[in-house]
Amino acid sequence: MLNTKSNVEAAQALSSSNQSRAQSARKERSRQFRKAFFARKPVVFAFGIVVVMVLLALLAPVISPCSPYEQDLNNILAGPSPAHLLGTDGLGRDTLSRIFYGTQVSLSVGLVSTAIAGAIGIALGLIAGYVGGWVDSLIMRVMDAMMSIPLVIMALFLGSVLGKGLGNVMLSIGIVMIPGYARLTRGQVMGVKQLDFVTAAKIGGATKFTNTVKHIFPNSLSPNIVLATMNFGSAILIEASLSFLGMGINPPTASWGAMVSDGYKFLNRDPVLAIVPGIFIMLTVWAFNIVGDALRDALDPRLRGA
């Protein structure tokens, strides 16, 4: 009886010790990640910009001084004033409010198009890398053909086929970014599937689907997270380019690219209309690229401290 009680207490003590060590290890990994991620001062600034942009998108209906669609025909192309801090555009709409609401559009495009590209591209990369053979060759040749065409040109083509509008713009940008995820995932799968734990799972009776989902996919996810962060900024830039060329978001929806295009017509009279949304585009794209680069450094142990 005493031996049984002692064994139970010993097992409980060992379990508690293991949990404590696991918790300490997680805290240490988290600390190392934060240290590597914020190792450079530009990353802190870029991360701050990302946070500010997200807050602007979420709080746009609250902090905007006016409706982005309300026209003040008595104050067309008016300069900065207490009522309109950045003035008004050619239709008398408040510039600052349209910039805030344009943040919602830009971040929505970045999020949805990146999700579309990631979901389809990763799936294709997993299939190509694990199945191999003619399936791999077929998928990769299609991806090579897509990558041979500049992103904006292909997005313009898809936009002309699908038509203008927020949903079609998201879909077009998502499609043109698929090859990057497919090729990256395939490369990761080709390396991971040769490792011992994958072979052991095969011997243990795991099916190809189970092996891919449970063992290969999780080990190829980190590089794709980094790519998604960088593509987030690229998606915003492509959307701005399409809207600038008149192939993007339908008016009167607020869009930074469309604002630059409209403001360009009045550049000599009121440069704020084009310059301010252009600055927002530049800062947002730069910030996401820097954050993606820092995320790569933090997730790859070989680059820490480099």
Protein backbone atom coordinates (compact mmCIF):
# COMPACT_ATOMS: atom_id res chain seq x y z
CA MET A 1 0.00 0.00 0.00
CA LEU A 2 2.78 2.40 0.91
CA ASN A 3 4.72 1.44 -2.25
CA THR A 4 1.67 2.14 -4.44
CA LYS A 5 1.16 5.55 -2.83
CA SER A 6 4.84 6.37 -3.23
CA ASN A 7 4.74 5.36 -6.90
CA VAL A 8 1.70 7.56 -7.53
CA GLU A 9 3.35 10.52 -5.83
CA ALA A 10 6.56 9.94 -7.80
CA ALA A 11 4.62 9.78 -11.07
CA GLN A 12 2.78 12.99 -10.22
CA ALA A 13 6.01 14.73 -9.34
CA LEU A 14 7.61 13.56 -12.59
CA SER A 15 4.60 14.73 -14.62
CA SER A 16 4.66 18.11 -12.90
CA SER A 17 8.39 18.41 -13.55
CA ASN A 18 7.94 17.56 -17.25
CA GLN A 19 5.15 20.12 -17.62
CA SER A 20 7.28 22.75 -15.93
CA ARG A 21 10.21 22.03 -18.26
CA ALA A 22 7.94 22.11 -21.32
CA GLN A 23 6.47 25.44 -20.22
CA SER A 24 9.95 26.87 -19.64
CA ALA A 25 11.05 25.65 -23.07
CA ARG A 26 8.04 27.33 -24.71
CA LYS A 27 8.77 30.60 -22.91
CA GLU A 28 12.41 30.42 -23.98
CA ARG A 29 11.47 29.77 -27.63
CA SER A 30 9.02 32.67 -27.49
CA ARG A 31 11.70 34.94 -26.03
CA GLN A 32 14.21 33.92 -28.69
CA PHE A 33 11.64 34.50 -31.43
CA ARG A 34 10.84 38.02 -30.19
CA LYS A 35 14.53 38.80 -29.84
CA ALA A 36 15.28 37.64 -33.38
CA PHE A 37 12.18 39.29 -34.84
CA PHE A 38 12.78 42.72 -33.31
CA ALA A 39 16.58 42.59 -33.63
CA ARG A 40 16.65 45.51 -36.10
CA LYS A 41 15.21 48.96 -35.49
CA PRO A 42 13.53 49.23 -38.93
CA VAL A 43 11.51 46.13 -38.06
CA VAL A 44 10.10 47.81 -34.94
CA PHE A 45 9.09 50.83 -37.03
CA ALA A 46 7.62 48.64 -39.79
CA PHE A 47 5.69 46.53 -37.28
CA GLY A 48 4.31 49.74 -35.77
CA ILE A 49 3.11 50.84 -39.22
CA VAL A 50 1.36 47.49 -39.74
CA VAL A 51 -0.38 47.83 -36.37
CA VAL A 52 -1.46 51.40 -37.17
CA MET A 53 -2.83 50.36 -40.58
CA VAL A 54 -4.82 47.52 -39.03
CA LEU A 55 -6.26 49.90 -36.42
CA LEU A 56 -7.16 52.44 -39.11
CA ALA A 57 -8.99 49.76 -41.06
CA LEU A 58 -10.89 48.54 -38.02
CA LEU A 59 -11.73 52.00 -36.67
CA ALA A 60 -12.36 53.79 -39.98
CA PRO A 61 -16.13 54.18 -39.38
CA VAL A 62 -15.41 55.65 -35.94
CA ILE A 63 -12.50 58.01 -36.60
CA SER A 64 -13.42 59.25 -40.08
CA PRO A 65 -14.65 62.84 -39.87
CA CYS A 66 -17.11 62.36 -42.74
CA SER A 67 -18.64 59.68 -44.90
CA PRO A 68 -16.19 58.77 -47.69
CA TYR A 69 -19.04 59.09 -50.21
CA GLU A 70 -20.62 62.33 -48.99
CA GLN A 71 -20.17 65.13 -51.53
CA ASP A 72 -19.78 68.75 -50.55
CA LEU A 73 -20.34 70.49 -53.88
CA ASN A 74 -19.61 73.89 -52.32
CA ASN A 75 -16.09 72.78 -51.39
CA ILE A 76 -14.77 70.96 -54.45
CA LEU A 77 -10.94 70.73 -54.40
CA ALA A 78 -10.92 72.71 -51.16
CA GLY A 79 -7.65 72.93 -49.25
CA PRO A 80 -7.07 71.70 -45.70
CA SER A 81 -9.49 73.13 -43.15
CA PRO A 82 -10.94 72.20 -39.72
CA ALA A 83 -13.86 70.52 -41.51
CA HIS A 84 -11.62 68.69 -44.02
CA LEU A 85 -8.13 68.18 -42.59
CA LEU A 86 -6.64 67.06 -45.93
CA GLY A 87 -9.08 68.95 -48.12
CA THR A 88 -11.57 67.50 -50.61
CA ASP A 89 -11.28 65.80 -53.99
CA GLY A 90 -12.77 66.71 -57.35
CA LEU A 91 -16.24 65.62 -56.21
CA GLY A 92 -16.11 67.37 -52.84
CA ARG A 93 -15.46 64.19 -50.83
CA ASP A 94 -13.32 64.31 -47.71
CA THR A 95 -9.80 63.08 -48.57
CA LEU A 96 -8.87 61.91 -45.07
CA SER A 97 -12.03 59.82 -44.72
CA ARG A 98 -11.43 58.18 -48.08
CA ILE A 99 -7.86 57.34 -47.08
CA PHE A 100 -9.09 55.69 -43.87
CA TYR A 101 -11.70 53.65 -45.74
CA GLY A 102 -9.14 52.87 -48.44
CA THR A 103 -7.13 51.14 -45.72
CA GLN A 104 -9.99 48.69 -45.29
CA VAL A 105 -10.01 47.90 -49.00
CA SER A 106 -6.25 47.49 -49.27
CA LEU A 107 -5.90 45.22 -46.24
CA SER A 108 -8.94 43.18 -47.31
CA VAL A 109 -7.43 42.66 -50.75
CA GLY A 110 -4.09 41.68 -49.24
CA LEU A 111 -5.66 39.22 -46.78
CA VAL A 112 -8.15 37.51 -49.11
CA SER A 113 -5.92 37.30 -52.20
CA THR A 114 -3.02 35.94 -50.12
CA ALA A 115 -5.35 33.35 -48.58
CA ILE A 116 -6.58 32.28 -52.04
CA ALA A 117 -3.06 32.01 -53.42
CA GLY A 118 -1.76 30.20 -50.34
CA ALA A 119 -4.58 27.66 -50.15
CA ILE A 120 -4.41 26.69 -53.84
CA GLY A 121 -0.63 27.01 -54.23
CA ILE A 122 0.23 24.98 -51.13
CA ALA A 123 -2.22 22.25 -52.17
CA LEU A 124 -0.70 22.05 -55.65
CA GLY A 125 2.84 22.04 -54.21
CA LEU A 126 1.97 19.19 -51.81
CA ILE A 127 0.49 17.12 -54.63
CA ALA A 128 3.36 17.80 -57.02
CA GLY A 129 6.09 17.14 -54.47
CA TYR A 130 4.65 14.01 -52.89
CA VAL A 131 3.08 12.28 -55.91
CA GLY A 132 5.87 13.17 -58.34
CA GLY A 133 6.04 11.75 -61.87
CA TRP A 134 3.90 13.21 -64.63
CA VAL A 135 1.65 14.95 -62.10
CA ASP A 136 4.64 16.90 -60.78
CA SER A 137 5.81 17.75 -64.30
CA LEU A 138 2.36 18.93 -65.40
CA ILE A 139 1.76 21.16 -62.36
CA MET A 140 5.24 22.67 -62.45
CA ARG A 141 5.13 23.43 -66.19
CA VAL A 142 1.84 25.29 -65.70
CA MET A 143 3.38 27.20 -62.78
CA ASP A 144 6.47 28.03 -64.89
CA ALA A 145 4.25 29.36 -67.67
CA MET A 146 2.36 31.57 -65.22
CA MET A 147 5.58 32.86 -63.65
CA SER A 148 6.93 33.86 -67.07
CA ILE A 149 4.24 36.56 -67.28
CA PRO A 150 4.65 39.71 -65.12
CA LEU A 151 2.19 39.77 -62.22
CA VAL A 152 0.52 43.06 -63.14
CA ILE A 153 0.11 42.04 -66.80
CA MET A 154 -1.55 38.76 -65.83
CA ALA A 155 -3.70 40.53 -63.24
CA LEU A 156 -4.80 43.01 -65.92
CA PHE A 157 -5.72 40.14 -68.24
CA LEU A 158 -7.69 38.32 -65.55
CA GLY A 159 -9.33 41.59 -64.52
CA SER A 160 -10.49 42.19 -68.10
CA VAL A 161 -11.92 38.65 -68.21
CA LEU A 162 -13.56 38.63 -64.77
CA GLY A 163 -14.51 42.29 -64.73
CA LYS A 164 -13.99 45.08 -62.23
CA GLY A 165 -15.05 44.93 -58.59
CA LEU A 166 -13.55 44.09 -55.21
CA GLY A 167 -14.25 40.34 -55.36
CA ASN A 168 -12.85 39.94 -58.87
CA VAL A 169 -9.75 41.94 -57.99
CA MET A 170 -9.09 39.68 -54.99
CA LEU A 171 -9.54 36.58 -57.16
CA SER A 172 -7.32 37.91 -59.96
CA ILE A 173 -4.47 38.80 -57.60
CA GLY A 174 -4.85 35.50 -55.76
CA ILE A 175 -4.52 33.53 -59.00
CA VAL A 176 -1.38 35.34 -60.18
CA MET A 177 0.39 34.65 -56.86
CA ILE A 178 -0.31 30.90 -56.81
CA PRO A 179 2.96 29.79 -58.53
CA GLY A 180 5.18 31.15 -55.75
CA TYR A 181 3.47 29.02 -53.11
CA ALA A 182 3.34 25.95 -55.35
CA ARG A 183 7.05 26.02 -56.14
CA LEU A 184 8.10 26.80 -52.57
CA THR A 185 5.92 24.03 -51.11
CA ARG A 186 7.09 21.50 -53.68
CA GLY A 187 10.71 22.22 -52.79
CA GLN A 188 9.97 21.79 -49.10
CA VAL A 189 8.09 18.53 -49.70
CA MET A 190 10.90 17.09 -51.83
CA GLY A 191 13.25 17.53 -48.89
CA VAL A 192 10.93 16.58 -46.04
CA LYS A 193 9.55 13.38 -47.59
CA GLN A 194 13.03 11.81 -47.53
CA LEU A 195 13.39 12.25 -43.76
CA ASP A 196 13.27 9.32 -41.36
CA PHE A 197 10.04 10.21 -39.56
CA VAL A 198 8.13 10.25 -42.87
CA THR A 199 9.60 6.88 -43.82
CA ALA A 200 8.70 5.51 -40.39
CA ALA A 201 5.11 6.68 -40.85
CA LYS A 202 4.97 4.86 -44.21
CA ILE A 203 6.24 1.66 -42.61
CA GLY A 204 3.67 2.12 -39.86
CA GLY A 205 0.88 1.98 -42.45
CA ALA A 206 0.13 5.69 -42.92
CA THR A 207 -1.55 6.49 -46.23
CA LYS A 208 -0.16 9.12 -48.60
CA PHE A 209 -2.90 11.54 -47.58
CA THR A 210 -2.28 11.02 -43.86
CA ASN A 211 1.47 11.31 -44.28
CA THR A 212 1.11 14.52 -46.26
CA VAL A 213 -1.35 16.21 -43.89
CA LYS A 214 0.12 15.09 -40.55
CA HIS A 215 3.86 15.07 -41.24
CA ILE A 216 4.86 16.87 -44.45
CA PHE A 217 2.48 19.85 -44.46
CA PRO A 218 3.33 21.14 -40.94
CA ASN A 219 7.04 21.01 -41.74
CA SER A 220 6.62 23.07 -44.92
CA LEU A 221 4.42 25.75 -43.36
CA SER A 222 6.98 28.22 -41.96
CA PRO A 223 8.45 29.33 -45.33
CA ASN A 224 4.93 29.79 -46.67
CA ILE A 225 4.03 32.04 -43.73
CA VAL A 226 7.00 34.24 -44.59
CA LEU A 227 6.02 34.29 -48.27
CA ALA A 228 2.44 35.20 -47.37
CA THR A 229 3.62 38.17 -45.31
CA MET A 230 5.72 39.46 -48.19
CA ASN A 231 2.96 38.80 -50.75
CA PHE A 232 0.54 40.77 -48.59
CA GLY A 233 2.37 43.95 -49.57
CA SER A 234 2.64 42.84 -53.19
CA ALA A 235 -1.12 42.26 -53.35
CA ILE A 236 -1.77 45.79 -52.06
CA LEU A 237 0.59 47.20 -54.69
CA ILE A 238 -1.02 45.22 -57.51
CA GLU A 239 -4.50 46.33 -56.42
CA ALA A 240 -3.33 49.94 -56.34
CA SER A 241 -1.86 49.53 -59.84
CA LEU A 242 -5.09 48.03 -61.20
CA SER A 243 -7.20 50.75 -59.61
CA PHE A 244 -4.84 53.42 -60.95
CA LEU A 245 -5.30 51.98 -64.45
CA GLY A 246 -9.09 51.85 -64.05
CA MET A 247 -9.25 48.03 -63.87
CA GLY A 248 -9.63 47.65 -60.11
CA ILE A 249 -12.23 48.67 -57.54
CA ASN A 250 -15.48 50.12 -58.86
CA PRO A 251 -16.16 53.75 -57.90
CA PRO A 252 -17.22 55.26 -55.59
CA THR A 253 -15.52 52.69 -53.30
CA ALA A 254 -12.48 54.30 -51.68
CA SER A 255 -9.20 52.86 -52.97
CA TRP A 256 -5.70 54.25 -52.62
CA GLY A 257 -4.83 53.45 -56.23
CA ALA A 258 -7.98 55.11 -57.55
CA MET A 259 -7.28 58.14 -55.34
CA VAL A 260 -3.80 58.47 -56.82
CA SER A 261 -5.29 58.21 -60.32
CA ASP A 262 -7.95 60.84 -59.59
CA GLY A 263 -5.50 63.12 -57.76
CA TYR A 264 -3.03 62.93 -60.64
CA LYS A 265 -5.42 65.03 -62.72
CA PHE A 266 -5.15 67.87 -60.19
CA LEU A 267 -1.46 67.46 -59.34
CA ASN A 268 -0.56 71.09 -60.05
CA ARG A 269 -3.53 72.51 -58.17
CA ASP A 270 -3.70 70.16 -55.15
CA PRO A 271 -0.82 67.65 -54.95
CA VAL A 272 -2.11 66.29 -51.62
CA LEU A 273 -4.81 64.32 -53.48
CA ALA A 274 -2.22 62.09 -55.16
CA ILE A 275 0.78 62.30 -52.85
CA VAL A 276 -0.88 61.31 -49.54
CA PRO A 277 -2.50 58.06 -50.76
CA GLY A 278 0.76 57.30 -52.59
CA ILE A 279 2.64 57.66 -49.29
CA PHE A 280 0.18 55.29 -47.61
CA ILE A 281 0.75 52.71 -50.37
CA MET A 282 4.52 53.06 -50.11
CA LEU A 283 4.62 52.81 -46.30
CA THR A 284 2.25 49.84 -46.14
CA VAL A 285 4.05 47.81 -48.82
CA TRP A 286 7.44 48.62 -47.28
CA ALA A 287 6.24 47.69 -43.79
CA PHE A 288 4.88 44.29 -44.82
CA ASN A 289 8.05 43.50 -46.77
CA ILE A 290 10.25 44.37 -43.78
CA VAL A 291 8.04 42.37 -41.40
CA GLY A 292 8.18 39.40 -43.76
CA ASP A 293 11.96 39.60 -43.92
CA ALA A 294 12.18 39.76 -40.12
CA LEU A 295 9.79 36.83 -39.82
CA ARG A 296 12.05 34.79 -42.08
CA ASP A 297 15.04 35.59 -39.91
CA ALA A 298 13.15 34.68 -36.74
CA LEU A 299 11.75 31.38 -38.07
CA ASP A 300 15.01 30.17 -39.65
CA PRO A 301 17.60 29.33 -36.96
CA ARG A 302 20.39 29.53 -39.55
CA LEU A 303 19.67 33.24 -40.08
CA ARG A 304 19.44 34.28 -36.43
CA GLY A 305 22.16 36.68 -35.61
CA ALA A 306 23.17 36.98 -39.26
